[in-house]
Protein backbone atom coordinates (compact mmCIF):
# COMPACT_ATOMS: atom_id res chain seq x y z
CA UNK A 1 0.00 0.00 0.00
CA UNK A 2 1.36 3.41 -0.98
CA UNK A 3 1.39 6.12 1.70
CA UNK A 4 1.45 9.91 1.54
CA UNK A 5 3.46 11.79 4.14
CA UNK A 6 2.10 15.15 5.24
CA UNK A 7 4.34 17.46 7.27
CA UNK A 8 2.42 19.91 9.49
CA UNK A 9 4.23 22.99 10.79
CA UNK A 10 2.69 24.64 13.86
CA UNK A 11 3.31 28.27 14.84
CA UNK A 12 3.73 28.77 17.70
CA UNK A 13 4.46 25.12 18.41
CA UNK A 14 2.79 23.36 21.32
CA UNK A 15 2.31 19.71 22.17
CA UNK A 16 -1.40 20.38 22.63
CA UNK A 17 -1.68 21.67 19.05
CA UNK A 18 0.33 18.71 17.75
CA UNK A 19 -1.93 16.22 19.52
CA UNK A 20 -5.00 18.06 18.27
CA UNK A 21 -3.83 17.87 14.65
CA UNK A 22 -3.34 14.13 14.99
CA UNK A 23 -6.80 13.71 16.52
CA UNK A 24 -8.56 15.81 13.87
CA UNK A 25 -6.77 14.38 10.84
CA UNK A 26 -7.51 10.83 12.01
CA UNK A 27 -11.09 11.68 11.06
CA UNK A 28 -10.06 12.08 7.40
CA UNK A 29 -8.00 8.90 7.15
CA UNK A 30 -4.60 9.56 8.72
CA UNK A 31 -3.50 6.50 10.70
CA UNK A 32 0.04 7.17 11.96
CA UNK A 33 1.90 10.17 13.33
CA UNK A 34 5.48 11.10 14.18
CA UNK A 35 6.27 14.25 16.21
CA UNK A 36 8.75 16.79 14.84
CA UNK A 37 10.43 19.78 16.54
CA UNK A 38 7.92 22.23 15.02
CA UNK A 39 4.87 20.08 14.36
CA UNK A 40 3.97 16.55 13.37
CA UNK A 41 4.19 14.26 10.36
CA UNK A 42 1.04 12.36 9.45
CA UNK A 43 0.70 9.32 7.22
CA UNK A 44 -2.30 8.29 5.15
CA UNK A 45 -2.88 5.67 2.44
CA UNK A 46 -2.40 7.60 -0.81
CA UNK A 47 -5.72 6.44 -2.22
CA UNK A 48 -7.48 8.04 0.77
CA UNK A 49 -5.63 11.36 0.70
CA UNK A 50 -8.10 14.19 0.08
CA UNK A 51 -6.43 17.61 0.22
CA UNK A 52 -9.68 19.66 0.17
CA UNK A 53 -11.00 17.62 3.10
CA UNK A 54 -7.74 18.15 4.97
CA UNK A 55 -7.85 21.91 4.36
CA UNK A 56 -11.41 21.98 5.64
CA UNK A 57 -10.32 20.29 8.86
CA UNK A 58 -7.46 22.75 9.37
CA UNK A 59 -9.64 25.79 8.61
CA UNK A 60 -11.76 24.80 11.61
CA UNK A 61 -8.72 24.31 13.87
CA UNK A 62 -9.95 25.30 17.34
CA UNK A 63 -6.85 27.25 18.46
CA UNK A 64 -7.26 30.71 16.86
CA UNK A 65 -3.81 31.94 17.90
CA UNK A 66 -2.13 29.00 16.19
CA UNK A 67 -1.38 28.70 12.48
CA UNK A 68 -0.89 25.37 10.75
CA UNK A 69 0.72 24.90 7.34
CA UNK A 70 1.46 21.63 5.58
CA UNK A 71 3.22 20.00 2.66
CA UNK A 72 2.41 16.59 1.23
CA UNK A 73 4.56 14.13 -0.66
CA UNK A 74 4.12 10.48 -1.69
CA UNK A 75 6.36 8.06 0.15
CA UNK A 76 8.62 5.93 -1.97
CA UNK A 77 9.00 2.24 -1.30
CA UNK A 78 12.29 1.86 0.50
CA UNK A 79 14.40 -0.47 2.59
CA UNK A 80 13.16 0.35 6.09
CA UNK A 81 15.94 -1.69 7.68
CA UNK A 82 18.44 0.73 6.16
CA UNK A 83 16.23 3.71 6.96
CA UNK A 84 15.84 2.82 10.65
CA UNK A 85 19.52 1.95 11.01
CA UNK A 86 20.47 5.30 9.47
CA UNK A 87 18.22 7.08 11.93
CA UNK A 88 19.51 5.17 14.99
CA UNK A 89 16.46 3.08 15.67
CA UNK A 90 17.05 1.93 19.23
CA UNK A 91 15.76 -1.15 21.08
CA UNK A 92 12.88 -0.53 23.47
CA UNK A 93 12.04 -2.22 26.77
CA UNK A 94 8.43 -2.42 27.99
CA UNK A 95 7.79 -2.68 31.74
CA UNK A 96 11.26 -4.16 32.20
CA UNK A 97 9.97 -7.49 30.85
CA UNK A 98 9.89 -7.32 27.03
CA UNK A 99 12.54 -6.01 24.67
CA UNK A 100 11.96 -5.19 20.99
CA UNK A 101 15.03 -4.86 18.81
CA UNK A 102 15.93 -5.20 15.17
CA UNK A 103 17.95 -7.77 13.31
CA UNK A 104 20.79 -5.27 12.94
CA UNK A 105 21.18 -4.72 16.70
CA UNK A 106 23.98 -6.59 18.43
CA UNK A 107 23.95 -4.79 21.80
CA UNK A 108 20.52 -4.60 23.41
CA UNK A 109 19.00 -5.08 26.90
CA UNK A 110 18.07 -8.58 27.99
CA UNK A 111 14.51 -9.27 29.09
CA UNK A 112 12.08 -12.07 29.82
CA UNK A 113 10.55 -11.75 26.36
CA UNK A 114 12.88 -11.04 23.44
CA UNK A 115 11.20 -9.89 20.21
CA UNK A 116 13.29 -9.35 17.11
CA UNK A 117 11.79 -7.55 14.12
CA UNK A 118 12.87 -6.74 10.60
CA UNK A 119 11.28 -3.29 10.04
CA UNK A 120 10.53 -3.45 6.34
CA UNK A 121 7.85 -0.79 6.61
CA UNK A 122 7.45 2.56 8.32
CA UNK A 123 5.18 1.78 11.25
CA UNK A 124 4.69 -0.77 14.01
CA UNK A 125 8.20 -1.07 15.41
CA UNK A 126 6.98 -0.76 19.00
CA UNK A 127 8.18 2.80 19.48
CA UNK A 128 4.73 4.37 19.32
CA UNK A 129 2.97 4.88 22.65
CA UNK A 130 -0.05 2.82 21.62
CA UNK A 131 2.02 -0.27 20.81
CA UNK A 132 3.84 -0.02 24.12
CA UNK A 133 0.56 0.43 26.02
CA UNK A 134 -0.90 -2.67 24.38
CA UNK A 135 2.25 -4.64 25.13
CA UNK A 136 1.96 -3.57 28.76
CA UNK A 137 -1.56 -4.98 28.92
CA UNK A 138 -0.43 -8.24 27.30
CA UNK A 139 2.31 -8.59 29.92
CA UNK A 140 -0.31 -8.33 32.68
CA UNK A 141 -3.12 -10.55 31.36
CA UNK A 142 -3.30 -14.36 31.57
CA UNK A 143 -3.10 -15.65 28.00
CA UNK A 144 -2.24 -19.29 28.63
CA UNK A 145 -4.37 -21.49 26.36
CA UNK A 146 -6.27 -18.51 24.94
CA UNK A 147 -7.27 -17.81 21.33
CA UNK A 148 -6.18 -14.28 20.36
CA UNK A 149 -6.90 -11.85 17.53
CA UNK A 150 -4.39 -9.10 16.67
CA UNK A 151 -6.39 -6.67 14.50
CA UNK A 152 -4.29 -4.12 12.63
CA UNK A 153 -1.19 -6.17 13.38
CA UNK A 154 1.45 -3.92 11.78
CA UNK A 155 4.71 -5.81 12.28
CA UNK A 156 3.00 -8.52 14.34
CA UNK A 157 4.55 -7.55 17.68
CA UNK A 158 1.34 -7.99 19.70
CA UNK A 159 0.49 -11.42 18.28
CA UNK A 160 4.09 -12.54 18.80
CA UNK A 161 4.15 -11.39 22.42
CA UNK A 162 0.72 -12.95 23.07
CA UNK A 163 1.99 -16.35 21.94
CA UNK A 164 5.19 -15.94 23.92
CA UNK A 165 2.87 -15.39 26.90
CA UNK A 166 1.16 -18.72 26.31
CA UNK A 167 -1.65 -18.05 23.85
CA UNK A 168 -2.81 -21.24 22.12
CA UNK A 169 -3.33 -19.55 18.75
CA UNK A 170 -3.41 -16.07 17.23
CA UNK A 171 -4.82 -14.59 14.04
CA UNK A 172 -2.94 -11.48 12.90
CA UNK A 173 -4.81 -9.30 10.40
CA UNK A 174 -3.84 -6.10 8.61
CA UNK A 175 -5.34 -4.30 5.63
CA UNK A 176 -1.85 -3.51 4.31
CA UNK A 177 -0.15 -6.32 2.35
CA UNK A 178 3.26 -4.98 3.38
CA UNK A 179 2.25 -5.39 7.03
CA UNK A 180 1.00 -8.93 6.48
CA UNK A 181 4.20 -9.91 4.68
CA UNK A 182 6.39 -8.25 7.30
CA UNK A 183 4.46 -9.96 10.11
CA UNK A 184 5.14 -13.36 8.52
CA UNK A 185 8.83 -12.51 8.23
CA UNK A 186 8.98 -11.38 11.86
CA UNK A 187 7.21 -14.49 13.14
CA UNK A 188 9.86 -16.62 11.45
CA UNK A 189 12.63 -14.65 13.20
CA UNK A 190 11.54 -15.55 16.73
CA UNK A 191 13.28 -18.26 18.75
CA UNK A 192 11.36 -19.22 21.87
CA UNK A 193 12.80 -22.16 23.79
CA UNK A 194 9.73 -22.50 26.04
CA UNK A 195 7.37 -23.25 23.14
CA UNK A 196 6.67 -26.82 22.14
CA UNK A 197 6.23 -25.62 18.55
CA UNK A 198 7.41 -22.59 16.61
CA UNK A 199 5.44 -19.35 16.35
CA UNK A 200 4.88 -20.10 12.67
CA UNK A 201 2.57 -22.90 13.83
CA UNK A 202 0.75 -20.68 16.35
CA UNK A 203 0.03 -17.53 14.31
CA UNK A 204 -1.99 -17.25 11.09
CA UNK A 205 -1.51 -14.00 9.15
CA UNK A 206 -4.20 -12.60 6.85
CA UNK A 207 -4.49 -9.47 4.72
CA UNK A 208 -7.86 -7.74 4.90
CA UNK A 209 -10.27 -5.91 7.17
CA UNK A 210 -12.87 -6.86 9.79
CA UNK A 211 -15.02 -8.55 7.14
CA UNK A 212 -12.64 -11.52 7.40
CA UNK A 213 -13.84 -12.20 10.93
CA UNK A 214 -17.10 -13.79 9.81
CA UNK A 215 -15.10 -16.96 9.08
CA UNK A 216 -12.71 -16.74 12.05
CA UNK A 217 -12.75 -17.11 15.83
CA UNK A 218 -14.26 -17.07 18.30
CA UNK A 219 -11.60 -15.48 20.49
CA UNK A 220 -10.86 -15.17 24.17
CA UNK A 221 -8.85 -11.98 23.67
CA UNK A 222 -9.02 -9.38 20.90
CA UNK A 223 -6.29 -6.77 20.47
CA UNK A 224 -7.18 -3.85 18.18
CA UNK A 225 -4.60 -1.07 17.86
CA UNK A 226 -6.01 0.99 14.99
CA UNK A 227 -7.75 4.37 15.32
CA UNK A 228 -10.90 5.79 16.88
CA UNK A 229 -13.13 5.75 13.82
CA UNK A 230 -12.32 2.21 12.76
CA UNK A 231 -12.70 1.00 16.35
CA UNK A 232 -16.16 2.56 16.56
CA UNK A 233 -17.19 1.09 13.21
CA UNK A 234 -15.80 -2.41 13.81
CA UNK A 235 -16.48 -2.91 17.50
CA UNK A 236 -19.78 -4.76 16.82
CA UNK A 237 -17.86 -7.20 14.62
CA UNK A 238 -15.26 -7.75 17.33
CA UNK A 239 -17.96 -8.43 19.92
CA UNK A 240 -19.65 -10.93 17.61
CA UNK A 241 -16.43 -12.97 17.54
CA UNK A 242 -15.58 -12.59 21.24
CA UNK A 243 -16.40 -15.41 23.65
CA UNK A 244 -18.50 -14.58 26.73
CA UNK A 245 -16.22 -13.15 29.41
CA UNK A 246 -13.63 -12.51 26.70
CA UNK A 247 -11.48 -9.38 26.81
CA UNK A 248 -11.20 -6.61 24.23
CA UNK A 249 -8.14 -4.35 24.35
CA UNK A 250 -8.21 -1.28 22.10
CA UNK A 251 -5.76 1.50 21.34
CA UNK A 252 -4.85 4.08 18.70
CA UNK A 253 -6.91 6.95 20.14
CA UNK A 254 -6.61 9.87 22.52
CA UNK A 255 -7.79 10.08 26.11
CA UNK A 256 -10.45 12.58 25.00
CA UNK A 257 -11.93 9.85 22.75
CA UNK A 258 -12.35 7.35 25.58
CA UNK A 259 -15.87 8.43 26.67
CA UNK A 260 -17.18 7.93 23.13
CA UNK A 261 -15.59 4.48 22.89
CA UNK A 262 -16.88 3.51 26.33
CA UNK A 263 -20.39 4.55 25.35
CA UNK A 264 -20.22 2.44 22.18
CA UNK A 265 -18.81 -0.53 24.08
CA UNK A 266 -21.59 -0.37 26.69
CA UNK A 267 -24.27 -0.67 24.00
CA UNK A 268 -22.64 -3.92 22.88
CA UNK A 269 -22.52 -5.60 26.28
CA UNK A 270 -18.91 -4.72 27.02
CA UNK A 271 -17.96 -3.62 30.52
CA UNK A 272 -15.15 -1.11 30.89
CA UNK A 273 -12.34 -2.29 33.18
CA UNK A 274 -9.42 0.12 32.88
CA UNK A 275 -7.35 2.38 30.67
CA UNK A 276 -3.72 3.43 30.39
CA UNK A 277 -2.34 6.61 28.81
CA UNK A 278 0.98 7.95 27.59
CA UNK A 279 1.19 11.51 26.20
CA UNK A 280 -2.61 11.47 25.73
CA UNK A 281 -2.45 8.29 23.61
CA UNK A 282 -4.66 5.72 25.32
CA UNK A 283 -5.44 2.01 25.53
CA UNK A 284 -8.47 0.51 27.25
CA UNK A 285 -9.65 -2.89 28.44
CA UNK A 286 -13.22 -4.21 28.26
CA UNK A 287 -14.81 -7.55 29.13
CA UNK A 288 -17.86 -9.09 27.48
CA UNK A 289 -20.72 -10.11 29.76
CA UNK A 290 -20.87 -13.87 30.32
CA UNK A 291 -24.32 -13.69 28.75
CA UNK A 292 -22.98 -11.99 25.63
CA UNK A 293 -23.60 -13.59 22.26
CA UNK A 294 -20.83 -15.08 20.15
CA UNK A 295 -21.49 -16.31 16.68
């Protein structure tokens, strides 16, 4: 999938304005963001990029003393291993228990769970707050013998960690073929001595959207790290494939979006349990009533 990179310049710069741009542009299709010293870079599938719609969003920007300008350019396909290495992509450690590093790292922290990835695409390396928040939840929940769905899998980190934590099986789904291919590559890179079989045997990778779920599941745990609008639209589909007393973990939205997502979840029989935030990015946990329906 081809992406367009849009660089937003904020004057005067503030983190609040940067976060607000990310929240507003998510409504017109942007799905990933990287902060810059004077603004933020947003990424959107090129086929969804609509400059008039973007200008309309920015014209209604609710901070009258702030000006926002932008430039857009298509992203070329490139070797993201080389790109990340050139830009000093560093290993990350989550909660002192899981380390994510690349194939080109030779010196990295040791942890209980060691995840190695080959970042052949721009997003999903574990450095974004939402990925780390979801990993933190996975490290705390009992996954032994559970069936798991990783929706919007990116590089497959969440499905990989879930199986390292004892999940019986995981489906990893992404709408981007690059992500699906990269997830398969990353699964093959893992070496887990405690598993009786390799991760290749535990994780199935599919390219598509939530419509695939009609033939999959049911699941004990669903992980969906996407964005607010897709979560709102697809939550009924997730619930239909979630076993009673199953858990839904969602991320990819801001703390200000949580009330809307909680309201939607409540209408579907999901009970809110908790949320975690980092720089306004938020993840939340819900459980389906034991009387909930699963088809």
